[in-house]
Amino acid sequence: MWKVATLWYSLRKELALAWAMLRHPDTPRSAKLAVLAAGLYVLSPVDFVSDLVPVLGWIDDGVVAALLLALAARLMPGELHAALKARVSQRHPGAAR
């Protein structure tokens, strides 16, 4: 059960970081577009693997979203990404596990 809690805290931290990336004025547009694409892919009914397939559909959404969020992090300046990550870690101390 603790693995589910750890996964939940990590997900909250990543969502908070994505939200901070979208809101910060110095974030490049390409990074913001990657974050928006990740959100749209998760919410979109059009997937590589349909969500009707019980587990594979969710794994597909998670993998594509994680790749797009990693791309957004790479498109950001390093110091800005580190500052946003530190700010999110201060707000969500339980997520820093």
PDB file of N, CA and C in Angstrom:
ATOM      1  N   MET A   1       0.811  -1.195   0.000  1.00  0.00           N
ATOM      2  CA  MET A   1       0.000   0.000   0.000  1.00  0.00           C
ATOM      3  C   MET A   1       0.854   1.259   0.000  1.00  0.00           C
ATOM      4  N   TRP A   2       2.052   1.195   0.616  1.00  0.00           N
ATOM      5  CA  TRP A   2       2.906   2.380   0.659  1.00  0.00           C
ATOM      6  C   TRP A   2       3.407   2.748  -0.721  1.00  0.00           C
ATOM      7  N   LYS A   3       3.483   1.781  -1.651  1.00  0.00           N
ATOM      8  CA  LYS A   3       3.913   2.095  -3.019  1.00  0.00           C
ATOM      9  C   LYS A   3       2.879   2.954  -3.727  1.00  0.00           C
ATOM     10  N   VAL A   4       1.608   2.691  -3.468  1.00  0.00           N
ATOM     11  CA  VAL A   4       0.550   3.498  -4.063  1.00  0.00           C
ATOM     12  C   VAL A   4       0.614   4.922  -3.515  1.00  0.00           C
ATOM     13  N   ALA A   5       0.867   5.062  -2.221  1.00  0.00           N
ATOM     14  CA  ALA A   5       0.981   6.392  -1.621  1.00  0.00           C
ATOM     15  C   ALA A   5       2.184   7.139  -2.187  1.00  0.00           C
ATOM     16  N   THR A   6       3.300   6.448  -2.358  1.00  0.00           N
ATOM     17  CA  THR A   6       4.490   7.072  -2.937  1.00  0.00           C
ATOM     18  C   THR A   6       4.224   7.514  -4.369  1.00  0.00           C
ATOM     19  N   LEU A   7       3.552   6.671  -5.119  1.00  0.00           N
ATOM     20  CA  LEU A   7       3.204   7.020  -6.492  1.00  0.00           C
ATOM     21  C   LEU A   7       2.272   8.220  -6.518  1.00  0.00           C
ATOM     22  N   TRP A   8       1.306   8.272  -5.615  1.00  0.00           N
ATOM     23  CA  TRP A   8       0.374   9.383  -5.551  1.00  0.00           C
ATOM     24  C   TRP A   8       1.113  10.692  -5.224  1.00  0.00           C
ATOM     25  N   TYR A   9       2.034  10.680  -4.257  1.00  0.00           N
ATOM     26  CA  TYR A   9       2.775  11.892  -3.907  1.00  0.00           C
ATOM     27  C   TYR A   9       3.669  12.336  -5.060  1.00  0.00           C
ATOM     28  N   SER A  10       4.267  11.386  -5.764  1.00  0.00           N
ATOM     29  CA  SER A  10       5.099  11.736  -6.916  1.00  0.00           C
ATOM     30  C   SER A  10       4.262  12.355  -8.025  1.00  0.00           C
ATOM     31  N   LEU A  11       3.092  11.812  -8.254  1.00  0.00           N
ATOM     32  CA  LEU A  11       2.198  12.355  -9.269  1.00  0.00           C
ATOM     33  C   LEU A  11       1.764  13.772  -8.909  1.00  0.00           C
ATOM     34  N   ARG A  12       1.434  13.993  -7.654  1.00  0.00           N
ATOM     35  CA  ARG A  12       1.067  15.348  -7.210  1.00  0.00           C
ATOM     36  C   ARG A  12       2.201  16.332  -7.428  1.00  0.00           C
ATOM     37  N   LYS A  13       3.411  15.895  -7.131  1.00  0.00           N
ATOM     38  CA  LYS A  13       4.582  16.762  -7.298  1.00  0.00           C
ATOM     39  C   LYS A  13       4.791  17.090  -8.775  1.00  0.00           C
ATOM     40  N   GLU A  14       4.673  16.105  -9.646  1.00  0.00           N
ATOM     41  CA  GLU A  14       4.858  16.341 -11.075  1.00  0.00           C
ATOM     42  C   GLU A  14       3.762  17.231 -11.649  1.00  0.00           C
ATOM     43  N   LEU A  15       2.532  17.046 -11.193  1.00  0.00           N
ATOM     44  CA  LEU A  15       1.445  17.918 -11.645  1.00  0.00           C
ATOM     45  C   LEU A  15       1.650  19.353 -11.170  1.00  0.00           C
ATOM     46  N   ALA A  16       2.124  19.519  -9.957  1.00  0.00           N
ATOM     47  CA  ALA A  16       2.401  20.860  -9.444  1.00  0.00           C
ATOM     48  C   ALA A  16       3.541  21.509 -10.227  1.00  0.00           C
ATOM     49  N   LEU A  17       4.551  20.726 -10.585  1.00  0.00           N
ATOM     50  CA  LEU A  17       5.663  21.250 -11.377  1.00  0.00           C
ATOM     51  C   LEU A  17       5.183  21.643 -12.767  1.00  0.00           C
ATOM     52  N   ALA A  18       4.333  20.834 -13.376  1.00  0.00           N
ATOM     53  CA  ALA A  18       3.794  21.169 -14.696  1.00  0.00           C
ATOM     54  C   ALA A  18       2.962  22.448 -14.618  1.00  0.00           C
ATOM     55  N   TRP A  19       2.173  22.596 -13.571  1.00  0.00           N
ATOM     56  CA  TRP A  19       1.360  23.801 -13.402  1.00  0.00           C
ATOM     57  C   TRP A  19       2.263  25.029 -13.208  1.00  0.00           C
ATOM     58  N   ALA A  20       3.336  24.871 -12.432  1.00  0.00           N
ATOM     59  CA  ALA A  20       4.274  25.977 -12.224  1.00  0.00           C
ATOM     60  C   ALA A  20       4.964  26.353 -13.539  1.00  0.00           C
ATOM     61  N   MET A  21       5.271  25.358 -14.363  1.00  0.00           N
ATOM     62  CA  MET A  21       5.893  25.627 -15.662  1.00  0.00           C
ATOM     63  C   MET A  21       4.947  26.431 -16.555  1.00  0.00           C
ATOM     64  N   LEU A  22       3.675  26.092 -16.522  1.00  0.00           N
ATOM     65  CA  LEU A  22       2.699  26.811 -17.336  1.00  0.00           C
ATOM     66  C   LEU A  22       2.505  28.248 -16.867  1.00  0.00           C
ATOM     67  N   ARG A  23       2.566  28.468 -15.582  1.00  0.00           N
ATOM     68  CA  ARG A  23       2.274  29.794 -15.028  1.00  0.00           C
ATOM     69  C   ARG A  23       3.460  30.741 -15.035  1.00  0.00           C
ATOM     70  N   HIS A  24       4.681  30.214 -15.069  1.00  0.00           N
ATOM     71  CA  HIS A  24       5.851  31.086 -14.985  1.00  0.00           C
ATOM     72  C   HIS A  24       6.051  31.823 -16.303  1.00  0.00           C
ATOM     73  N   PRO A  25       6.239  33.148 -16.263  1.00  0.00           N
ATOM     74  CA  PRO A  25       6.357  33.905 -17.514  1.00  0.00           C
ATOM     75  C   PRO A  25       7.649  33.642 -18.290  1.00  0.00           C
ATOM     76  N   ASP A  26       8.687  33.140 -17.641  1.00  0.00           N
ATOM     77  CA  ASP A  26       9.959  32.910 -18.337  1.00  0.00           C
ATOM     78  C   ASP A  26      10.065  31.524 -18.967  1.00  0.00           C
ATOM     79  N   THR A  27       9.055  30.698 -18.790  1.00  0.00           N
ATOM     80  CA  THR A  27       9.066  29.371 -19.401  1.00  0.00           C
ATOM     81  C   THR A  27       8.915  29.520 -20.916  1.00  0.00           C
ATOM     82  N   PRO A  28       9.782  28.892 -21.699  1.00  0.00           N
ATOM     83  CA  PRO A  28       9.668  28.997 -23.160  1.00  0.00           C
ATOM     84  C   PRO A  28       8.337  28.420 -23.659  1.00  0.00           C
ATOM     85  N   ARG A  29       7.870  28.967 -24.770  1.00  0.00           N
ATOM     86  CA  ARG A  29       6.595  28.499 -25.330  1.00  0.00           C
ATOM     87  C   ARG A  29       6.644  27.022 -25.700  1.00  0.00           C
ATOM     88  N   SER A  30       7.781  26.573 -26.171  1.00  0.00           N
ATOM     89  CA  SER A  30       7.884  25.164 -26.559  1.00  0.00           C
ATOM     90  C   SER A  30       7.672  24.246 -25.353  1.00  0.00           C
ATOM     91  N   ALA A  31       8.189  24.633 -24.196  1.00  0.00           N
ATOM     92  CA  ALA A  31       7.981  23.833 -22.983  1.00  0.00           C
ATOM     93  C   ALA A  31       6.515  23.871 -22.557  1.00  0.00           C
ATOM     94  N   LYS A  32       5.893  25.043 -22.667  1.00  0.00           N
ATOM     95  CA  LYS A  32       4.478  25.148 -22.319  1.00  0.00           C
ATOM     96  C   LYS A  32       3.624  24.307 -23.261  1.00  0.00           C
ATOM     97  N   LEU A  33       3.983  24.300 -24.543  1.00  0.00           N
ATOM     98  CA  LEU A  33       3.238  23.478 -25.500  1.00  0.00           C
ATOM     99  C   LEU A  33       3.384  21.988 -25.193  1.00  0.00           C
ATOM    100  N   ALA A  34       4.577  21.566 -24.762  1.00  0.00           N
ATOM    101  CA  ALA A  34       4.775  20.161 -24.408  1.00  0.00           C
ATOM    102  C   ALA A  34       3.928  19.777 -23.194  1.00  0.00           C
ATOM    103  N   VAL A  35       3.834  20.665 -22.217  1.00  0.00           N
ATOM    104  CA  VAL A  35       3.007  20.393 -21.034  1.00  0.00           C
ATOM    105  C   VAL A  35       1.532  20.319 -21.426  1.00  0.00           C
ATOM    106  N   LEU A  36       1.101  21.259 -22.268  1.00  0.00           N
ATOM    107  CA  LEU A  36      -0.290  21.235 -22.720  1.00  0.00           C
ATOM    108  C   LEU A  36      -0.587  19.986 -23.550  1.00  0.00           C
ATOM    109  N   ALA A  37       0.367  19.582 -24.382  1.00  0.00           N
ATOM    110  CA  ALA A  37       0.176  18.367 -25.184  1.00  0.00           C
ATOM    111  C   ALA A  37       0.037  17.142 -24.288  1.00  0.00           C
ATOM    112  N   ALA A  38       0.816  17.095 -23.197  1.00  0.00           N
ATOM    113  CA  ALA A  38       0.711  15.970 -22.262  1.00  0.00           C
ATOM    114  C   ALA A  38      -0.685  15.923 -21.641  1.00  0.00           C
ATOM    115  N   GLY A  39      -1.174  17.073 -21.213  1.00  0.00           N
ATOM    116  CA  GLY A  39      -2.510  17.119 -20.625  1.00  0.00           C
ATOM    117  C   GLY A  39      -3.597  16.754 -21.616  1.00  0.00           C
ATOM    118  N   LEU A  40      -3.473  17.267 -22.816  1.00  0.00           N
ATOM    119  CA  LEU A  40      -4.472  16.957 -23.837  1.00  0.00           C
ATOM    120  C   LEU A  40      -4.449  15.484 -24.226  1.00  0.00           C
ATOM    121  N   TYR A  41      -3.263  14.884 -24.272  1.00  0.00           N
ATOM    122  CA  TYR A  41      -3.188  13.468 -24.625  1.00  0.00           C
ATOM    123  C   TYR A  41      -3.868  12.602 -23.569  1.00  0.00           C
ATOM    124  N   VAL A  42      -3.660  12.947 -22.315  1.00  0.00           N
ATOM    125  CA  VAL A  42      -4.276  12.161 -21.238  1.00  0.00           C
ATOM    126  C   VAL A  42      -5.796  12.303 -21.280  1.00  0.00           C
ATOM    127  N   LEU A  43      -6.286  13.492 -21.585  1.00  0.00           N
ATOM    128  CA  LEU A  43      -7.732  13.724 -21.601  1.00  0.00           C
ATOM    129  C   LEU A  43      -8.397  13.314 -22.913  1.00  0.00           C
ATOM    130  N   SER A  44      -7.610  13.160 -23.966  1.00  0.00           N
ATOM    131  CA  SER A  44      -8.159  12.870 -25.290  1.00  0.00           C
ATOM    132  C   SER A  44      -8.659  11.434 -25.395  1.00  0.00           C
ATOM    133  N   PRO A  45      -9.778  11.239 -26.075  1.00  0.00           N
ATOM    134  CA  PRO A  45     -10.254   9.871 -26.289  1.00  0.00           C
ATOM    135  C   PRO A  45      -9.470   9.147 -27.387  1.00  0.00           C
ATOM    136  N   VAL A  46      -8.666   9.877 -28.158  1.00  0.00           N
ATOM    137  CA  VAL A  46      -7.860   9.276 -29.222  1.00  0.00           C
ATOM    138  C   VAL A  46      -6.488   8.942 -28.651  1.00  0.00           C
ATOM    139  N   ASP A  47      -6.143   7.657 -28.600  1.00  0.00           N
ATOM    140  CA  ASP A  47      -4.885   7.198 -28.018  1.00  0.00           C
ATOM    141  C   ASP A  47      -4.218   6.202 -28.958  1.00  0.00           C
ATOM    142  N   PHE A  48      -2.958   5.890 -28.649  1.00  0.00           N
ATOM    143  CA  PHE A  48      -2.291   4.801 -29.361  1.00  0.00           C
ATOM    144  C   PHE A  48      -2.950   3.469 -28.994  1.00  0.00           C
ATOM    145  N   VAL A  49      -3.218   3.293 -27.712  1.00  0.00           N
ATOM    146  CA  VAL A  49      -3.924   2.113 -27.210  1.00  0.00           C
ATOM    147  C   VAL A  49      -5.183   2.625 -26.527  1.00  0.00           C
ATOM    148  N   SER A  50      -6.327   2.107 -26.903  1.00  0.00           N
ATOM    149  CA  SER A  50      -7.596   2.577 -26.366  1.00  0.00           C
ATOM    150  C   SER A  50      -7.664   2.385 -24.857  1.00  0.00           C
ATOM    151  N   ASP A  51      -8.316   3.317 -24.184  1.00  0.00           N
ATOM    152  CA  ASP A  51      -8.501   3.208 -22.737  1.00  0.00           C
ATOM    153  C   ASP A  51      -9.487   2.107 -22.374  1.00  0.00           C
ATOM    154  N   LEU A  52     -10.164   1.539 -23.358  1.00  0.00           N
ATOM    155  CA  LEU A  52     -11.075   0.430 -23.093  1.00  0.00           C
ATOM    156  C   LEU A  52     -10.313  -0.851 -22.765  1.00  0.00           C
ATOM    157  N   VAL A  53      -9.048  -0.938 -23.209  1.00  0.00           N
ATOM    158  CA  VAL A  53      -8.193  -2.056 -22.815  1.00  0.00           C
ATOM    159  C   VAL A  53      -7.784  -1.766 -21.374  1.00  0.00           C
ATOM    160  N   PRO A  54      -8.158  -2.611 -20.429  1.00  0.00           N
ATOM    161  CA  PRO A  54      -8.103  -2.264 -19.012  1.00  0.00           C
ATOM    162  C   PRO A  54      -6.812  -1.629 -18.500  1.00  0.00           C
ATOM    163  N   VAL A  55      -5.671  -2.216 -18.656  1.00  0.00           N
ATOM    164  CA  VAL A  55      -4.462  -1.665 -18.056  1.00  0.00           C
ATOM    165  C   VAL A  55      -3.577  -0.994 -19.101  1.00  0.00           C
ATOM    166  N   LEU A  56      -3.499  -1.563 -20.273  1.00  0.00           N
ATOM    167  CA  LEU A  56      -2.598  -1.031 -21.297  1.00  0.00           C
ATOM    168  C   LEU A  56      -2.970   0.380 -21.729  1.00  0.00           C
ATOM    169  N   GLY A  57      -4.237   0.706 -21.743  1.00  0.00           N
ATOM    170  CA  GLY A  57      -4.660   2.051 -22.111  1.00  0.00           C
ATOM    171  C   GLY A  57      -4.167   3.102 -21.133  1.00  0.00           C
ATOM    172  N   TRP A  58      -4.162   2.770 -19.841  1.00  0.00           N
ATOM    173  CA  TRP A  58      -3.692   3.703 -18.825  1.00  0.00           C
ATOM    174  C   TRP A  58      -2.171   3.804 -18.843  1.00  0.00           C
ATOM    175  N   ILE A  59      -1.511   2.682 -19.072  1.00  0.00           N
ATOM    176  CA  ILE A  59      -0.050   2.706 -19.149  1.00  0.00           C
ATOM    177  C   ILE A  59       0.386   3.548 -20.341  1.00  0.00           C
ATOM    178  N   ASP A  60      -0.323   3.400 -21.450  1.00  0.00           N
ATOM    179  CA  ASP A  60      -0.033   4.191 -22.639  1.00  0.00           C
ATOM    180  C   ASP A  60      -0.132   5.684 -22.336  1.00  0.00           C
ATOM    181  N   ASP A  61      -1.199   6.098 -21.674  1.00  0.00           N
ATOM    182  CA  ASP A  61      -1.367   7.510 -21.320  1.00  0.00           C
ATOM    183  C   ASP A  61      -0.232   7.980 -20.414  1.00  0.00           C
ATOM    184  N   GLY A  62       0.113   7.182 -19.445  1.00  0.00           N
ATOM    185  CA  GLY A  62       1.176   7.555 -18.505  1.00  0.00           C
ATOM    186  C   GLY A  62       2.528   7.689 -19.165  1.00  0.00           C
ATOM    187  N   VAL A  63       2.852   6.760 -20.062  1.00  0.00           N
ATOM    188  CA  VAL A  63       4.155   6.801 -20.723  1.00  0.00           C
ATOM    189  C   VAL A  63       4.258   8.018 -21.633  1.00  0.00           C
ATOM    190  N   VAL A  64       3.240   8.267 -22.435  1.00  0.00           N
ATOM    191  CA  VAL A  64       3.277   9.412 -23.354  1.00  0.00           C
ATOM    192  C   VAL A  64       3.316  10.719 -22.562  1.00  0.00           C
ATOM    193  N   ALA A  65       2.529  10.834 -21.510  1.00  0.00           N
ATOM    194  CA  ALA A  65       2.537  12.050 -20.691  1.00  0.00           C
ATOM    195  C   ALA A  65       3.895  12.249 -20.024  1.00  0.00           C
ATOM    196  N   ALA A  66       4.492  11.177 -19.517  1.00  0.00           N
ATOM    197  CA  ALA A  66       5.804  11.290 -18.878  1.00  0.00           C
ATOM    198  C   ALA A  66       6.868  11.724 -19.890  1.00  0.00           C
ATOM    199  N   LEU A  67       6.813  11.179 -21.092  1.00  0.00           N
ATOM    200  CA  LEU A  67       7.778  11.582 -22.120  1.00  0.00           C
ATOM    201  C   LEU A  67       7.613  13.050 -22.508  1.00  0.00           C
ATOM    202  N   LEU A  68       6.373  13.499 -22.626  1.00  0.00           N
ATOM    203  CA  LEU A  68       6.144  14.904 -22.973  1.00  0.00           C
ATOM    204  C   LEU A  68       6.561  15.842 -21.835  1.00  0.00           C
ATOM    205  N   LEU A  69       6.344  15.440 -20.595  1.00  0.00           N
ATOM    206  CA  LEU A  69       6.787  16.264 -19.475  1.00  0.00           C
ATOM    207  C   LEU A  69       8.310  16.285 -19.363  1.00  0.00           C
ATOM    208  N   ALA A  70       8.954  15.162 -19.690  1.00  0.00           N
ATOM    209  CA  ALA A  70      10.424  15.147 -19.709  1.00  0.00           C
ATOM    210  C   ALA A  70      10.948  16.052 -20.819  1.00  0.00           C
ATOM    211  N   LEU A  71      10.285  16.055 -21.962  1.00  0.00           N
ATOM    212  CA  LEU A  71      10.667  16.954 -23.051  1.00  0.00           C
ATOM    213  C   LEU A  71      10.514  18.408 -22.622  1.00  0.00           C
ATOM    214  N   ALA A  72       9.423  18.728 -21.930  1.00  0.00           N
ATOM    215  CA  ALA A  72       9.213  20.095 -21.445  1.00  0.00           C
ATOM    216  C   ALA A  72      10.329  20.505 -20.489  1.00  0.00           C
ATOM    217  N   ALA A  73      10.755  19.585 -19.627  1.00  0.00           N
ATOM    218  CA  ALA A  73      11.837  19.892 -18.687  1.00  0.00           C
ATOM    219  C   ALA A  73      13.144  20.141 -19.426  1.00  0.00           C
ATOM    220  N   ARG A  74      13.390  19.395 -20.495  1.00  0.00           N
ATOM    221  CA  ARG A  74      14.628  19.587 -21.269  1.00  0.00           C
ATOM    222  C   ARG A  74      14.607  20.880 -22.065  1.00  0.00           C
ATOM    223  N   LEU A  75      13.432  21.357 -22.426  1.00  0.00           N
ATOM    224  CA  LEU A  75      13.318  22.589 -23.203  1.00  0.00           C
ATOM    225  C   LEU A  75      13.448  23.843 -22.340  1.00  0.00           C
ATOM    226  N   MET A  76      13.391  23.683 -21.041  1.00  0.00           N
ATOM    227  CA  MET A  76      13.503  24.825 -20.129  1.00  0.00           C
ATOM    228  C   MET A  76      14.956  25.096 -19.792  1.00  0.00           C
ATOM    229  N   PRO A  77      15.294  26.349 -19.499  1.00  0.00           N
ATOM    230  CA  PRO A  77      16.632  26.628 -18.963  1.00  0.00           C
ATOM    231  C   PRO A  77      16.829  25.889 -17.644  1.00  0.00           C
ATOM    232  N   GLY A  78      18.021  25.379 -17.425  1.00  0.00           N
ATOM    233  CA  GLY A  78      18.298  24.548 -16.252  1.00  0.00           C
ATOM    234  C   GLY A  78      18.036  25.236 -14.932  1.00  0.00           C
ATOM    235  N   GLU A  79      18.456  26.496 -14.822  1.00  0.00           N
ATOM    236  CA  GLU A  79      18.275  27.199 -13.548  1.00  0.00           C
ATOM    237  C   GLU A  79      16.809  27.488 -13.270  1.00  0.00           C
ATOM    238  N   LEU A  80      16.028  27.757 -14.292  1.00  0.00           N
ATOM    239  CA  LEU A  80      14.595  27.979 -14.102  1.00  0.00           C
ATOM    240  C   LEU A  80      13.904  26.685 -13.674  1.00  0.00           C
ATOM    241  N   HIS A  81      14.266  25.581 -14.311  1.00  0.00           N
ATOM    242  CA  HIS A  81      13.677  24.290 -13.938  1.00  0.00           C
ATOM    243  C   HIS A  81      14.032  23.934 -12.498  1.00  0.00           C
ATOM    244  N   ALA A  82      15.281  24.165 -12.107  1.00  0.00           N
ATOM    245  CA  ALA A  82      15.700  23.861 -10.734  1.00  0.00           C
ATOM    246  C   ALA A  82      14.962  24.747  -9.730  1.00  0.00           C
ATOM    247  N   ALA A  83      14.764  26.026 -10.071  1.00  0.00           N
ATOM    248  CA  ALA A  83      14.062  26.935  -9.163  1.00  0.00           C
ATOM    249  C   ALA A  83      12.600  26.524  -8.998  1.00  0.00           C
ATOM    250  N   LEU A  84      11.950  26.163 -10.102  1.00  0.00           N
ATOM    251  CA  LEU A  84      10.553  25.730 -10.012  1.00  0.00           C
ATOM    252  C   LEU A  84      10.433  24.422  -9.242  1.00  0.00           C
ATOM    253  N   LYS A  85      11.380  23.519  -9.462  1.00  0.00           N
ATOM    254  CA  LYS A  85      11.353  22.236  -8.755  1.00  0.00           C
ATOM    255  C   LYS A  85      11.540  22.444  -7.251  1.00  0.00           C
ATOM    256  N   ALA A  86      12.432  23.361  -6.883  1.00  0.00           N
ATOM    257  CA  ALA A  86      12.649  23.652  -5.460  1.00  0.00           C
ATOM    258  C   ALA A  86      11.404  24.279  -4.848  1.00  0.00           C
ATOM    259  N   ARG A  87      10.750  25.173  -5.586  1.00  0.00           N
ATOM    260  CA  ARG A  87       9.530  25.813  -5.081  1.00  0.00           C
ATOM    261  C   ARG A  87       8.429  24.781  -4.866  1.00  0.00           C
ATOM    262  N   VAL A  88       8.295  23.851  -5.808  1.00  0.00           N
ATOM    263  CA  VAL A  88       7.274  22.804  -5.676  1.00  0.00           C
ATOM    264  C   VAL A  88       7.606  21.883  -4.509  1.00  0.00           C
ATOM    265  N   SER A  89       8.877  21.565  -4.311  1.00  0.00           N
ATOM    266  CA  SER A  89       9.269  20.694  -3.199  1.00  0.00           C
ATOM    267  C   SER A  89       8.989  21.341  -1.851  1.00  0.00           C
ATOM    268  N   GLN A  90       9.113  22.664  -1.789  1.00  0.00           N
ATOM    269  CA  GLN A  90       8.805  23.367  -0.530  1.00  0.00           C
ATOM    270  C   GLN A  90       7.309  23.324  -0.244  1.00  0.00           C
ATOM    271  N   ARG A  91       6.485  23.415  -1.281  1.00  0.00           N
ATOM    272  CA  ARG A  91       5.035  23.400  -1.087  1.00  0.00           C
ATOM    273  C   ARG A  91       4.501  22.003  -0.806  1.00  0.00           C
ATOM    274  N   HIS A  92       5.174  20.982  -1.327  1.00  0.00           N
ATOM    275  CA  HIS A  92       4.730  19.591  -1.173  1.00  0.00           C
ATOM    276  C   HIS A  92       5.867  18.789  -0.519  1.00  0.00           C
ATOM    277  N   PRO A  93       6.122  18.995   0.765  1.00  0.00           N
ATOM    278  CA  PRO A  93       7.254  18.309   1.393  1.00  0.00           C
ATOM    279  C   PRO A  93       7.109  16.793   1.432  1.00  0.00           C
ATOM    280  N   GLY A  94       5.902  16.268   1.474  1.00  0.00           N
ATOM    281  CA  GLY A  94       5.715  14.819   1.485  1.00  0.00           C
ATOM    282  C   GLY A  94       6.035  14.190   0.145  1.00  0.00           C
ATOM    283  N   ALA A  95       6.061  14.982  -0.901  1.00  0.00           N
ATOM    284  CA  ALA A  95       6.307  14.463  -2.247  1.00  0.00           C
ATOM    285  C   ALA A  95       7.782  14.322  -2.544  1.00  0.00           C
ATOM    286  N   ALA A  96       8.661  14.732  -1.641  1.00  0.00           N
ATOM    287  CA  ALA A  96      10.087  14.702  -1.903  1.00  0.00           C
ATOM    288  C   ALA A  96      10.720  13.374  -1.557  1.00  0.00           C
ATOM    289  N   ARG A  97       9.951  12.334  -1.459  1.00  0.00           N
ATOM    290  CA  ARG A  97      10.477  11.005  -1.074  1.00  0.00           C
ATOM    291  C   ARG A  97      11.267  10.382  -2.158  1.00  0.00           C
TER     292      ARG A  97
END
